[in-house]
Amino acid sequence: MRFVGVDFGRRRIGMAVSDATGMLARAWRMVPAAATPAASAVRVAALVQPLTGDDDGVDAVVVGLPRRLDGSESDQAPSVRAFASELARLTGRPIVFQDERLTSVEAESRLARRERDWRKRKAMIDAEAAAIILQDFLDARAPQHAGRAGHPHEW
């Protein structure tokens, strides 16, 4: 059970991948965004597609949905939804939206602890944000799937 996480941005798209058990997310890569959400989806689909063929293929793609602090969708949300729609069509995989409020701030904080050079942090921040988005999704679904993985949720 594998998942891919995506932090869609106008300039860069961060990507993360889960382990085969669907429990842990890790930053994977950064992809330059294209001129349109649909063109960006083509770039991301080209990376996701090879992962769908192995035994631990991708079950779904988790896309960060930008929201304001009050919970309403931000101005970027329609572009993210257009991107996700095209990505679903291209990969044949379900898309799950995950609230991405403050993930970039958290990603910057995490990276600052292990990388002092801000230029290097900037190059990694989108993939780290994607990993946070994906881990939030995995953590939210863990209680309902704990028994399946051989880890009983109650004794």
Protein backbone atom coordinates (compact mmCIF):
# COMPACT_ATOMS: atom_id res chain seq x y z
CA MET A 1 0.00 0.00 0.00
CA ARG A 2 1.97 2.97 -1.29
CA PHE A 3 0.99 6.62 -1.62
CA VAL A 4 2.50 9.63 -3.34
CA GLY A 5 2.18 13.10 -1.80
CA VAL A 6 2.19 16.29 -3.84
CA ASP A 7 2.65 19.92 -2.83
CA PHE A 8 1.55 21.83 -5.94
CA GLY A 9 2.96 25.31 -6.43
CA ARG A 10 3.13 27.85 -9.21
CA ARG A 11 6.92 27.53 -9.50
CA ARG A 12 7.76 24.16 -7.97
CA ILE A 13 5.98 20.92 -7.16
CA GLY A 14 7.21 18.95 -4.19
CA MET A 15 6.75 15.20 -4.16
CA ALA A 16 6.93 12.61 -1.40
CA VAL A 17 6.43 8.86 -1.31
CA SER A 18 5.35 6.49 1.43
CA ASP A 19 6.98 3.23 2.34
CA ALA A 20 5.36 0.00 1.12
CA THR A 21 3.34 -0.32 4.35
CA GLY A 22 1.76 3.11 3.91
CA MET A 23 2.94 4.26 7.33
CA LEU A 24 5.92 6.55 6.73
CA ALA A 25 6.37 9.41 4.27
CA ARG A 26 9.67 10.75 3.00
CA ALA A 27 10.53 13.67 0.75
CA TRP A 28 11.22 12.38 -2.73
CA ARG A 29 11.86 15.10 -5.29
CA MET A 30 11.06 18.53 -6.63
CA VAL A 31 9.66 19.13 -10.11
CA PRO A 32 9.61 22.54 -11.82
CA ALA A 33 6.01 23.59 -12.47
CA ALA A 34 4.86 24.07 -16.05
CA ALA A 35 2.90 27.00 -17.47
CA THR A 36 -0.49 25.41 -16.73
CA PRO A 37 -1.82 23.02 -14.09
CA ALA A 38 -2.56 20.44 -16.82
CA ALA A 39 1.00 20.62 -18.15
CA SER A 40 2.34 20.27 -14.59
CA ALA A 41 0.15 17.18 -14.16
CA VAL A 42 1.85 15.62 -17.19
CA ARG A 43 5.26 16.13 -15.54
CA VAL A 44 4.13 14.61 -12.25
CA ALA A 45 2.26 11.73 -13.91
CA ALA A 46 5.45 10.76 -15.75
CA LEU A 47 7.08 10.20 -12.34
CA VAL A 48 4.09 8.51 -10.68
CA GLN A 49 3.27 6.15 -13.53
CA PRO A 50 6.36 3.90 -13.16
CA LEU A 51 5.51 3.44 -9.47
CA THR A 52 2.05 2.06 -10.26
CA GLY A 53 3.32 -1.10 -11.93
CA ASP A 54 5.26 -2.82 -9.14
CA ASP A 55 3.83 -5.09 -6.44
CA ASP A 56 3.63 -2.20 -4.00
CA GLY A 57 2.04 0.10 -6.57
CA VAL A 58 0.59 3.49 -5.77
CA ASP A 59 -2.89 3.21 -4.27
CA ALA A 60 -3.62 6.94 -4.38
CA VAL A 61 -2.05 10.35 -4.81
CA VAL A 62 -2.44 12.76 -1.89
CA VAL A 63 -2.52 16.39 -3.03
CA GLY A 64 -2.22 19.28 -0.63
CA LEU A 65 -5.23 21.59 -0.80
CA PRO A 66 -4.39 25.16 0.14
CA ARG A 67 -6.70 26.64 2.73
CA ARG A 68 -6.72 29.86 4.68
CA LEU A 69 -6.43 29.77 8.45
CA ASP A 70 -10.23 30.08 8.70
CA GLY A 71 -10.58 26.83 6.71
CA SER A 72 -11.82 28.35 3.46
CA GLU A 73 -10.02 27.45 0.25
CA SER A 74 -7.34 29.87 -0.91
CA ASP A 75 -7.14 31.55 -4.31
CA GLN A 76 -4.71 28.81 -5.40
CA ALA A 77 -7.24 25.99 -4.75
CA PRO A 78 -8.89 26.07 -8.23
CA SER A 79 -5.47 25.56 -9.86
CA VAL A 80 -4.73 22.69 -7.48
CA ARG A 81 -8.09 21.09 -8.27
CA ALA A 82 -7.46 21.43 -12.04
CA PHE A 83 -4.01 19.88 -11.58
CA ALA A 84 -5.43 17.02 -9.50
CA SER A 85 -8.20 16.31 -11.99
CA GLU A 86 -5.73 15.98 -14.84
CA LEU A 87 -3.36 13.92 -12.69
CA ALA A 88 -6.16 11.48 -11.88
CA ARG A 89 -6.98 11.15 -15.56
CA LEU A 90 -3.36 10.57 -16.55
CA THR A 91 -2.45 8.09 -13.80
CA GLY A 92 -5.75 6.31 -13.29
CA ARG A 93 -5.19 6.65 -9.55
CA PRO A 94 -7.58 8.22 -7.06
CA ILE A 95 -6.72 11.66 -5.74
CA VAL A 96 -7.17 12.50 -2.07
CA PHE A 97 -7.03 16.11 -0.95
CA GLN A 98 -5.26 16.86 2.32
CA ASP A 99 -5.32 20.20 4.13
CA GLU A 100 -1.91 21.80 3.68
CA ARG A 101 -2.26 24.78 6.02
CA LEU A 102 1.11 25.78 7.47
CA THR A 103 3.01 22.85 5.93
CA SER A 104 5.56 25.16 4.28
CA VAL A 105 6.22 26.84 7.63
CA GLU A 106 6.68 23.44 9.30
CA ALA A 107 8.90 22.26 6.43
CA GLU A 108 11.11 25.34 6.75
CA SER A 109 11.40 24.80 10.48
CA ARG A 110 12.36 21.14 10.09
CA LEU A 111 14.91 21.89 7.40
CA ALA A 112 16.44 24.76 9.37
CA ARG A 113 17.36 22.30 12.12
CA ARG A 114 19.50 20.20 9.79
CA GLU A 115 20.57 22.60 7.01
CA ARG A 116 22.04 26.01 7.75
CA ASP A 117 22.32 27.23 4.14
CA TRP A 118 19.00 28.85 3.15
CA ARG A 119 19.68 28.20 -0.56
CA LYS A 120 19.85 24.47 0.07
CA ARG A 121 16.74 24.63 2.26
CA LYS A 122 14.83 26.47 -0.47
CA ALA A 123 15.66 23.70 -2.95
CA MET A 124 14.24 21.07 -0.58
CA ILE A 125 11.30 22.85 1.03
CA ASP A 126 8.60 21.76 -1.44
CA ALA A 127 9.49 18.07 -1.20
CA GLU A 128 9.60 18.36 2.59
CA ALA A 129 6.16 20.05 2.57
CA ALA A 130 4.86 17.18 0.40
CA ALA A 131 6.21 14.71 2.97
CA ILE A 132 4.36 16.55 5.75
CA ILE A 133 1.13 16.55 3.71
CA LEU A 134 1.51 12.84 3.03
CA GLN A 135 2.42 11.98 6.62
CA ASP A 136 -0.63 13.90 7.89
CA PHE A 137 -2.78 11.79 5.56
CA LEU A 138 -1.10 8.54 6.64
CA ASP A 139 -1.45 9.40 10.32
CA ALA A 140 -5.14 10.24 9.91
CA ARG A 141 -5.88 6.90 8.28
CA ALA A 142 -3.65 4.79 10.56
CA PRO A 143 -6.23 4.02 13.29
CA GLN A 144 -8.70 2.58 10.79
CA HIS A 145 -6.05 0.37 9.18
CA ALA A 146 -3.99 -0.59 12.23
CA GLY A 147 -5.51 -4.05 12.56
CA ARG A 148 -4.87 -4.88 8.89
CA ALA A 149 -1.13 -4.37 9.15
CA GLY A 150 -0.83 -6.78 12.04
CA HIS A 151 -0.68 -3.99 14.60
CA PRO A 152 -3.80 -4.27 16.72
CA HIS A 153 -5.16 -0.92 17.78
CA GLU A 154 -6.45 -2.30 21.06
CA TRP A 155 -5.23 -5.11 23.29
